[in-house]
């Protein structure tokens, strides 16, 4: 595991049988167990749009507390060499 406390990032090498074909994945934490979950990023959002209107959305979904997020003042490219196209 790689840990950079200055940038507050970690990197984990996955065993071959758990590797993703995609270059990006979603990362989320299970609110009950605290487990970190990696999942493939879908190629399109069509499946999500198909769900629209099929089930009622709870009144407290994405309430003000959920939308309140701290600002991110860091440069997203600070550790990348963008002038050479290496992201």
C-alpha atoms as a PDB file:
ATOM      1  CA  UNK A   1       0.000   0.000   0.000  1.00  0.00           C
ATOM      2  CA  UNK A   2       1.187   3.503  -0.857  1.00  0.00           C
ATOM      3  CA  UNK A   3       0.229   6.279   1.567  1.00  0.00           C
ATOM      4  CA  UNK A   4       0.823   9.998   1.021  1.00  0.00           C
ATOM      5  CA  UNK A   5      -0.234  11.905   4.145  1.00  0.00           C
ATOM      6  CA  UNK A   6       0.450  15.285   2.527  1.00  0.00           C
ATOM      7  CA  UNK A   7      -2.122  14.759  -0.228  1.00  0.00           C
ATOM      8  CA  UNK A   8      -4.248  12.417   1.887  1.00  0.00           C
ATOM      9  CA  UNK A   9      -4.294   9.625  -0.710  1.00  0.00           C
ATOM     10  CA  UNK A  10      -3.617   5.907  -0.631  1.00  0.00           C
ATOM     11  CA  UNK A  11      -2.978   3.401  -3.392  1.00  0.00           C
ATOM     12  CA  UNK A  12      -3.573  -0.324  -3.132  1.00  0.00           C
ATOM     13  CA  UNK A  13      -2.367  -2.941  -5.609  1.00  0.00           C
ATOM     14  CA  UNK A  14      -5.088  -5.487  -6.341  1.00  0.00           C
ATOM     15  CA  UNK A  15      -4.349  -9.156  -6.975  1.00  0.00           C
ATOM     16  CA  UNK A  16      -4.792 -10.115 -10.642  1.00  0.00           C
ATOM     17  CA  UNK A  17      -8.126 -11.854 -10.072  1.00  0.00           C
ATOM     18  CA  UNK A  18      -9.625  -8.602  -8.703  1.00  0.00           C
ATOM     19  CA  UNK A  19      -8.277  -6.182 -11.296  1.00  0.00           C
ATOM     20  CA  UNK A  20     -10.599  -4.018 -13.357  1.00  0.00           C
ATOM     21  CA  UNK A  21     -10.437  -3.716 -17.146  1.00  0.00           C
ATOM     22  CA  UNK A  22     -11.601  -0.103 -16.873  1.00  0.00           C
ATOM     23  CA  UNK A  23      -9.209   2.765 -16.181  1.00  0.00           C
ATOM     24  CA  UNK A  24     -11.585   4.296 -13.600  1.00  0.00           C
ATOM     25  CA  UNK A  25     -13.632   2.785 -10.775  1.00  0.00           C
ATOM     26  CA  UNK A  26     -16.089   4.090  -8.227  1.00  0.00           C
ATOM     27  CA  UNK A  27     -15.002   4.079  -4.586  1.00  0.00           C
ATOM     28  CA  UNK A  28     -17.519   4.219  -1.765  1.00  0.00           C
ATOM     29  CA  UNK A  29     -17.751   3.250   1.892  1.00  0.00           C
ATOM     30  CA  UNK A  30     -20.483   1.020   3.276  1.00  0.00           C
ATOM     31  CA  UNK A  31     -22.176   3.173   5.932  1.00  0.00           C
ATOM     32  CA  UNK A  32     -22.937   0.193   8.203  1.00  0.00           C
ATOM     33  CA  UNK A  33     -19.656  -1.727   8.092  1.00  0.00           C
ATOM     34  CA  UNK A  34     -17.201   0.974   7.028  1.00  0.00           C
ATOM     35  CA  UNK A  35     -15.891  -1.354   4.304  1.00  0.00           C
ATOM     36  CA  UNK A  36     -14.409   0.319   1.239  1.00  0.00           C
ATOM     37  CA  UNK A  37     -16.109  -0.887  -1.944  1.00  0.00           C
ATOM     38  CA  UNK A  38     -14.685  -0.620  -5.453  1.00  0.00           C
ATOM     39  CA  UNK A  39     -17.002  -1.079  -8.417  1.00  0.00           C
ATOM     40  CA  UNK A  40     -16.642  -0.641 -12.143  1.00  0.00           C
ATOM     41  CA  UNK A  41     -17.688   2.656 -13.622  1.00  0.00           C
ATOM     42  CA  UNK A  42     -20.502   2.069 -16.119  1.00  0.00           C
ATOM     43  CA  UNK A  43     -19.906   2.956 -19.753  1.00  0.00           C
ATOM     44  CA  UNK A  44     -23.196   4.841 -19.809  1.00  0.00           C
ATOM     45  CA  UNK A  45     -25.872   6.042 -17.408  1.00  0.00           C
ATOM     46  CA  UNK A  46     -28.733   4.531 -19.443  1.00  0.00           C
ATOM     47  CA  UNK A  47     -29.561   2.021 -16.694  1.00  0.00           C
ATOM     48  CA  UNK A  48     -29.948   4.810 -14.167  1.00  0.00           C
ATOM     49  CA  UNK A  49     -32.218   6.798 -16.454  1.00  0.00           C
ATOM     50  CA  UNK A  50     -34.374   3.704 -17.042  1.00  0.00           C
ATOM     51  CA  UNK A  51     -35.061   3.566 -13.289  1.00  0.00           C
ATOM     52  CA  UNK A  52     -36.399   7.131 -13.223  1.00  0.00           C
ATOM     53  CA  UNK A  53     -40.041   7.111 -12.182  1.00  0.00           C
ATOM     54  CA  UNK A  54     -40.200   3.371 -11.441  1.00  0.00           C
ATOM     55  CA  UNK A  55     -39.891   3.680  -7.653  1.00  0.00           C
ATOM     56  CA  UNK A  56     -40.809   6.571  -5.362  1.00  0.00           C
ATOM     57  CA  UNK A  57     -37.912   8.632  -4.058  1.00  0.00           C
ATOM     58  CA  UNK A  58     -37.890   9.122  -0.255  1.00  0.00           C
ATOM     59  CA  UNK A  59     -38.528  12.682   0.908  1.00  0.00           C
ATOM     60  CA  UNK A  60     -35.183  12.799   2.729  1.00  0.00           C
ATOM     61  CA  UNK A  61     -33.126  11.662  -0.282  1.00  0.00           C
ATOM     62  CA  UNK A  62     -30.309  14.136  -0.985  1.00  0.00           C
ATOM     63  CA  UNK A  63     -31.528  16.598   1.621  1.00  0.00           C
ATOM     64  CA  UNK A  64     -29.622  19.758   2.563  1.00  0.00           C
ATOM     65  CA  UNK A  65     -27.232  17.849   4.846  1.00  0.00           C
ATOM     66  CA  UNK A  66     -26.306  15.498   1.984  1.00  0.00           C
ATOM     67  CA  UNK A  67     -25.687  18.371  -0.416  1.00  0.00           C
ATOM     68  CA  UNK A  68     -23.486  20.303   2.026  1.00  0.00           C
ATOM     69  CA  UNK A  69     -19.955  19.425   0.944  1.00  0.00           C
ATOM     70  CA  UNK A  70     -16.657  21.084   1.852  1.00  0.00           C
ATOM     71  CA  UNK A  71     -14.919  22.984  -0.908  1.00  0.00           C
ATOM     72  CA  UNK A  72     -11.928  21.426  -2.609  1.00  0.00           C
ATOM     73  CA  UNK A  73      -9.180  24.010  -3.024  1.00  0.00           C
ATOM     74  CA  UNK A  74      -6.421  21.742  -4.316  1.00  0.00           C
ATOM     75  CA  UNK A  75      -5.194  21.744  -7.895  1.00  0.00           C
ATOM     76  CA  UNK A  76      -6.390  18.423  -9.387  1.00  0.00           C
ATOM     77  CA  UNK A  77      -3.348  18.316 -11.671  1.00  0.00           C
ATOM     78  CA  UNK A  78      -0.679  19.258  -9.109  1.00  0.00           C
ATOM     79  CA  UNK A  79       0.984  15.849  -9.220  1.00  0.00           C
ATOM     80  CA  UNK A  80       0.515  15.256 -12.952  1.00  0.00           C
ATOM     81  CA  UNK A  81       2.687  16.179 -15.897  1.00  0.00           C
ATOM     82  CA  UNK A  82      -0.064  17.663 -18.084  1.00  0.00           C
ATOM     83  CA  UNK A  83       2.241  19.488 -20.462  1.00  0.00           C
ATOM     84  CA  UNK A  84       3.340  16.126 -21.907  1.00  0.00           C
ATOM     85  CA  UNK A  85      -0.186  14.738 -21.876  1.00  0.00           C
ATOM     86  CA  UNK A  86       0.608  12.286 -19.086  1.00  0.00           C
ATOM     87  CA  UNK A  87      -2.401  12.138 -16.826  1.00  0.00           C
END
